[in-house]
Amino acid sequence: MKRVKSSILFTLAFLFITFHSVQALEPEVIVDVVPEQYPLYEDKIEAMILQERALVPLREAAEKLGYHIEWNGEERKVFVQKDNTEIVLFIDSTEALVNGERKSLDVPPILIDNRTYAPIRFLAEETNYNVHYSRRYVQFGYAPEVFVTFYTMVPDEEWEIIYHDSDNYSQQGCDEMPSSYCYQSLNAQGQTVRNIRIGSSLAEVKKAYGIPRNKSIDEHGSGTLAYAGPFTPQSGDFNEMQFHFENGIVIEHIVPYGN
């Protein structure tokens, strides 16, 4: 009996430690701000959480965002510059200056082992980049992800809805063995989560979905807009829904199935 109790206690302890280890995983930041390129796996930035906000090594993140950095050790402040934007961050202070205007941060920049850590959302949004937080693989023991993008990312929940939406979408090519390209296509009378239908206009799609990751639209409004979801660099794990247009009108909407 003692041996059984010990075994049970050991198992519970193992599960407790494993659960908290997963919970304690710090997020990985993926910066995707160059339209002609995709991030590499080794480009990921390891972040840390402070008061439920992701902080990143400032110099490493700034270089990927195209910033120039100068450090003033005496006054414990950092100058971050890009194009016509100058940001001044003060160590251990929730106050910052953006082109001379005072701004408030949710959490202050901090120094750890002579490295400055700063909130990635503030840095990104002050130069008009988008920030998206994803927990898509946390249940499998992987770290959450923070994406910094020049485009509007389609969130995890929306992909899950689409994959299970047989009322509005039909699978194409998924029954073929082997399937070279399995995808879902919007039905003639269907609509997306954001109320886009076959026959909707180019302007309506842009208003509903924002800035695409890729686009190829000619002067007549014909071509494709592609919107990306969370992805793992260099893995093939990449979701990109597409809207195809003819003369400014949606004629097809397809979503790769279950990548």
Protein backbone atom coordinates (compact mmCIF):
# COMPACT_ATOMS: atom_id res chain seq x y z
CA MET A 1 0.00 0.00 0.00
CA LYS A 2 2.83 2.39 0.87
CA ARG A 3 4.42 1.66 -2.49
CA VAL A 4 1.13 2.46 -4.28
CA LYS A 5 0.72 5.70 -2.32
CA SER A 6 4.30 6.68 -3.13
CA SER A 7 3.69 5.94 -6.80
CA ILE A 8 0.54 8.08 -6.81
CA LEU A 9 2.29 10.94 -5.03
CA PHE A 10 5.19 10.75 -7.47
CA THR A 11 2.80 10.86 -10.44
CA LEU A 12 0.90 13.82 -9.03
CA ALA A 13 4.16 15.63 -8.32
CA PHE A 14 5.35 14.95 -11.88
CA LEU A 15 2.09 16.24 -13.36
CA PHE A 16 2.22 19.32 -11.14
CA ILE A 17 5.77 20.13 -12.18
CA THR A 18 5.03 19.46 -15.87
CA PHE A 19 1.91 21.64 -15.79
CA HIS A 20 3.72 24.54 -14.18
CA SER A 21 6.67 24.14 -16.52
CA VAL A 22 4.31 24.52 -19.48
CA GLN A 23 2.59 27.43 -17.82
CA ALA A 24 5.94 29.09 -17.17
CA LEU A 25 7.14 28.98 -20.79
CA GLU A 26 8.11 32.44 -21.95
CA PRO A 27 6.75 33.59 -25.33
CA GLU A 28 8.70 33.62 -28.57
CA VAL A 29 8.51 36.75 -30.72
CA ILE A 30 8.38 36.40 -34.51
CA VAL A 31 8.94 39.60 -36.49
CA ASP A 32 7.49 39.59 -40.01
CA VAL A 33 7.81 43.13 -41.34
CA VAL A 34 9.53 42.69 -44.72
CA PRO A 35 6.97 41.90 -47.45
CA GLU A 36 9.50 40.23 -49.77
CA GLN A 37 10.88 37.91 -47.08
CA TYR A 38 9.64 35.44 -44.50
CA PRO A 39 11.28 35.09 -41.07
CA LEU A 40 13.74 32.26 -40.48
CA TYR A 41 13.44 29.86 -37.57
CA GLU A 42 16.57 31.26 -35.95
CA ASP A 43 15.08 34.77 -36.13
CA LYS A 44 12.78 34.04 -33.19
CA ILE A 45 13.33 36.29 -30.17
CA GLU A 46 12.92 34.87 -26.69
CA ALA A 47 10.83 37.23 -24.59
CA MET A 48 9.96 37.41 -20.91
CA ILE A 49 6.67 38.20 -19.18
CA LEU A 50 6.35 41.08 -16.73
CA GLN A 51 2.91 41.95 -15.40
CA GLU A 52 1.31 39.98 -18.25
CA ARG A 53 3.24 41.93 -20.90
CA ALA A 54 5.93 40.57 -23.24
CA LEU A 55 9.32 42.23 -22.89
CA VAL A 56 12.10 41.61 -25.42
CA PRO A 57 15.84 42.32 -25.57
CA LEU A 58 15.64 45.81 -27.00
CA ARG A 59 18.66 45.78 -29.31
CA GLU A 60 17.79 42.44 -30.87
CA ALA A 61 14.15 43.39 -31.45
CA ALA A 62 15.02 46.89 -32.65
CA GLU A 63 17.36 45.60 -35.34
CA LYS A 64 14.63 43.35 -36.74
CA LEU A 65 12.18 46.27 -36.70
CA GLY A 66 14.70 48.51 -38.47
CA TYR A 67 15.42 50.83 -35.53
CA HIS A 68 18.69 52.57 -34.67
CA ILE A 69 19.53 52.57 -30.94
CA GLU A 70 21.66 54.81 -28.73
CA TRP A 71 22.20 54.20 -25.01
CA ASN A 72 22.76 56.95 -22.44
CA GLY A 73 24.15 55.20 -19.37
CA GLU A 74 24.38 58.28 -17.17
CA GLU A 75 20.70 59.13 -17.56
CA ARG A 76 19.62 55.48 -17.94
CA LYS A 77 17.65 56.09 -21.09
CA VAL A 78 17.56 54.66 -24.61
CA PHE A 79 17.00 56.51 -27.88
CA VAL A 80 15.22 54.42 -30.51
CA GLN A 81 14.97 55.93 -33.99
CA LYS A 82 13.37 54.93 -37.27
CA ASP A 83 12.55 57.21 -40.19
CA ASN A 84 10.74 60.21 -38.67
CA THR A 85 10.02 58.55 -35.34
CA GLU A 86 12.20 58.97 -32.24
CA ILE A 87 11.30 57.08 -29.07
CA VAL A 88 13.00 57.73 -25.75
CA LEU A 89 12.65 55.00 -23.13
CA PHE A 90 13.62 55.44 -19.50
CA ILE A 91 14.78 52.45 -17.48
CA ASP A 92 12.32 51.52 -14.69
CA SER A 93 9.88 54.20 -15.82
CA THR A 94 6.46 53.81 -17.42
CA GLU A 95 6.87 57.16 -19.13
CA ALA A 96 8.29 57.46 -22.65
CA LEU A 97 8.69 60.18 -25.25
CA VAL A 98 7.60 59.72 -28.86
CA ASN A 99 8.74 62.66 -31.01
CA GLY A 100 8.70 64.73 -27.84
CA GLU A 101 5.19 63.70 -26.82
CA ARG A 102 4.78 61.94 -23.46
CA LYS A 103 3.36 58.42 -23.65
CA SER A 104 2.57 55.87 -20.95
CA LEU A 105 3.74 52.25 -20.97
CA ASP A 106 1.93 49.40 -19.25
CA VAL A 107 5.26 48.13 -17.89
CA PRO A 108 8.66 49.86 -17.68
CA PRO A 109 11.81 48.92 -19.59
CA ILE A 110 14.23 47.09 -17.30
CA LEU A 111 17.89 46.13 -17.19
CA ILE A 112 18.87 42.47 -16.78
CA ASP A 113 22.56 41.55 -16.99
CA ASN A 114 23.28 44.86 -18.75
CA ARG A 115 20.62 44.16 -21.39
CA THR A 116 17.61 46.42 -21.82
CA TYR A 117 14.23 44.69 -22.03
CA ALA A 118 11.29 46.70 -23.35
CA PRO A 119 7.60 45.99 -24.11
CA ILE A 120 7.35 44.78 -27.71
CA ARG A 121 3.77 45.98 -28.21
CA PHE A 122 4.69 49.59 -27.48
CA LEU A 123 7.69 49.54 -29.82
CA ALA A 124 5.75 47.90 -32.63
CA GLU A 125 2.58 49.94 -32.47
CA GLU A 126 4.41 53.26 -32.31
CA THR A 127 5.71 52.53 -35.80
CA ASN A 128 2.36 51.21 -37.08
CA TYR A 129 3.12 47.50 -36.91
CA ASN A 130 0.52 45.02 -35.69
CA VAL A 131 0.95 42.70 -32.70
CA HIS A 132 -0.82 39.36 -32.40
CA TYR A 133 -0.61 36.90 -29.48
CA SER A 134 -1.07 33.19 -30.15
CA ARG A 135 -1.39 30.23 -27.77
CA ARG A 136 -2.14 27.69 -30.51
CA TYR A 137 0.40 25.06 -29.37
CA VAL A 138 0.63 25.78 -25.64
CA GLN A 139 -1.47 22.71 -24.80
CA PHE A 140 1.22 20.56 -26.44
CA GLY A 141 4.01 22.05 -24.34
CA TYR A 142 5.20 24.72 -26.78
CA ALA A 143 5.73 28.38 -25.94
CA PRO A 144 3.11 31.00 -26.79
CA GLU A 145 3.98 33.24 -29.72
CA VAL A 146 3.91 36.98 -30.29
CA PHE A 147 3.81 38.05 -33.95
CA VAL A 148 4.84 41.54 -35.05
CA THR A 149 3.64 42.12 -38.60
CA PHE A 150 3.12 44.78 -41.26
CA TYR A 151 -0.19 43.12 -42.11
CA THR A 152 -3.38 42.17 -40.28
CA MET A 153 -3.10 38.60 -38.99
CA VAL A 154 -6.11 36.28 -38.90
CA PRO A 155 -6.34 34.93 -35.30
CA ASP A 156 -6.28 31.28 -34.17
CA GLU A 157 -9.97 31.14 -33.27
CA GLU A 158 -11.06 32.14 -36.75
CA TRP A 159 -9.14 29.30 -38.43
CA GLU A 160 -10.74 26.81 -36.04
CA ILE A 161 -14.20 28.10 -36.90
CA ILE A 162 -13.50 27.82 -40.63
CA TYR A 163 -12.15 24.25 -40.38
CA HIS A 164 -15.40 23.11 -38.74
CA ASP A 165 -17.79 25.23 -40.80
CA SER A 166 -19.43 22.82 -43.24
CA ASP A 167 -22.43 25.13 -43.69
CA ASN A 168 -20.45 27.84 -45.45
CA TYR A 169 -17.41 25.96 -46.82
CA SER A 170 -16.87 22.82 -48.90
CA GLN A 171 -13.69 20.73 -48.94
CA GLN A 172 -11.90 20.45 -52.27
CA GLY A 173 -9.28 17.84 -53.14
CA CYS A 174 -9.28 16.36 -49.65
CA ASP A 175 -10.60 12.94 -50.73
CA GLU A 176 -7.81 12.40 -53.23
CA MET A 177 -5.05 10.03 -52.15
CA PRO A 178 -2.47 11.40 -52.00
CA SER A 179 -3.89 14.92 -51.87
CA SER A 180 -1.57 17.49 -53.43
CA TYR A 181 -3.65 20.43 -52.21
CA CYS A 182 -6.57 20.06 -49.82
CA TYR A 183 -8.52 23.25 -49.19
CA GLN A 184 -11.90 24.67 -48.28
CA SER A 185 -13.85 26.83 -50.67
CA LEU A 186 -16.59 29.29 -49.73
CA ASN A 187 -19.97 28.10 -50.99
CA ALA A 188 -21.95 30.18 -53.48
CA GLN A 189 -24.47 31.14 -50.77
CA GLY A 190 -22.01 31.01 -47.87
CA GLN A 191 -20.36 33.79 -45.91
CA THR A 192 -17.18 34.16 -43.90
CA VAL A 193 -17.00 34.89 -40.17
CA ARG A 194 -16.68 38.55 -41.18
CA ASN A 195 -19.73 38.48 -43.48
CA ILE A 196 -17.89 38.40 -46.80
CA ARG A 197 -19.65 36.53 -49.62
CA ILE A 198 -19.07 35.63 -53.23
CA GLY A 199 -19.96 38.91 -54.90
CA SER A 200 -18.61 41.15 -52.12
CA SER A 201 -16.42 44.04 -53.26
CA LEU A 202 -12.66 44.50 -52.94
CA ALA A 203 -13.31 47.46 -50.62
CA GLU A 204 -15.53 45.33 -48.37
CA VAL A 205 -12.85 42.64 -48.03
CA LYS A 206 -10.18 45.21 -47.16
CA LYS A 207 -12.46 46.81 -44.60
CA ALA A 208 -13.29 43.45 -43.00
CA TYR A 209 -9.82 41.87 -43.04
CA GLY A 210 -7.40 44.80 -43.06
CA ILE A 211 -3.95 44.73 -44.63
CA PRO A 212 -3.09 41.51 -46.54
CA ARG A 213 0.22 39.61 -46.25
CA ASN A 214 0.35 39.29 -50.03
CA LYS A 215 -1.57 40.99 -52.80
CA SER A 216 -1.57 41.02 -56.57
CA ILE A 217 -4.40 43.24 -57.77
CA ASP A 218 -4.30 44.91 -61.19
CA GLU A 219 -5.77 48.24 -62.24
CA HIS A 220 -9.11 46.58 -62.98
CA GLY A 221 -9.44 45.17 -59.47
CA SER A 222 -8.68 41.61 -60.59
CA GLY A 223 -6.26 39.34 -58.74
CA THR A 224 -5.71 38.02 -55.22
CA LEU A 225 -5.54 39.20 -51.61
CA ALA A 226 -3.96 36.73 -49.16
CA TYR A 227 -4.30 36.93 -45.37
CA ALA A 228 -1.97 34.93 -43.11
CA GLY A 229 -2.47 33.33 -39.72
CA PRO A 230 0.06 32.33 -37.02
CA PHE A 231 2.89 30.23 -38.45
CA THR A 232 6.15 28.51 -37.57
CA PRO A 233 9.04 29.83 -39.69
CA GLN A 234 10.57 27.36 -42.17
CA SER A 235 8.24 24.52 -41.16
CA GLY A 236 5.50 24.39 -43.78
CA ASP A 237 3.11 25.29 -40.94
CA PHE A 238 1.67 28.31 -42.74
CA ASN A 239 -1.98 29.28 -43.17
CA GLU A 240 -2.94 31.84 -45.80
CA MET A 241 -6.54 32.37 -46.88
CA GLN A 242 -7.08 33.85 -50.32
CA PHE A 243 -9.73 36.02 -51.92
CA HIS A 244 -9.80 35.98 -55.71
CA PHE A 245 -11.30 38.96 -57.54
CA GLU A 246 -12.52 39.82 -60.99
CA ASN A 247 -13.21 43.49 -61.69
CA GLY A 248 -13.25 44.26 -57.98
CA ILE A 249 -15.70 41.49 -57.03
CA VAL A 250 -15.00 38.30 -55.02
CA ILE A 251 -15.34 35.28 -57.31
CA GLU A 252 -13.68 32.73 -55.00
CA HIS A 253 -12.47 32.42 -51.42
CA ILE A 254 -10.26 29.47 -50.46
CA VAL A 255 -8.60 28.35 -47.25
CA PRO A 256 -5.88 25.65 -47.09
CA TYR A 257 -7.24 22.89 -44.88
CA GLY A 258 -5.66 22.16 -41.51
CA ASN A 259 -2.02 23.14 -42.06
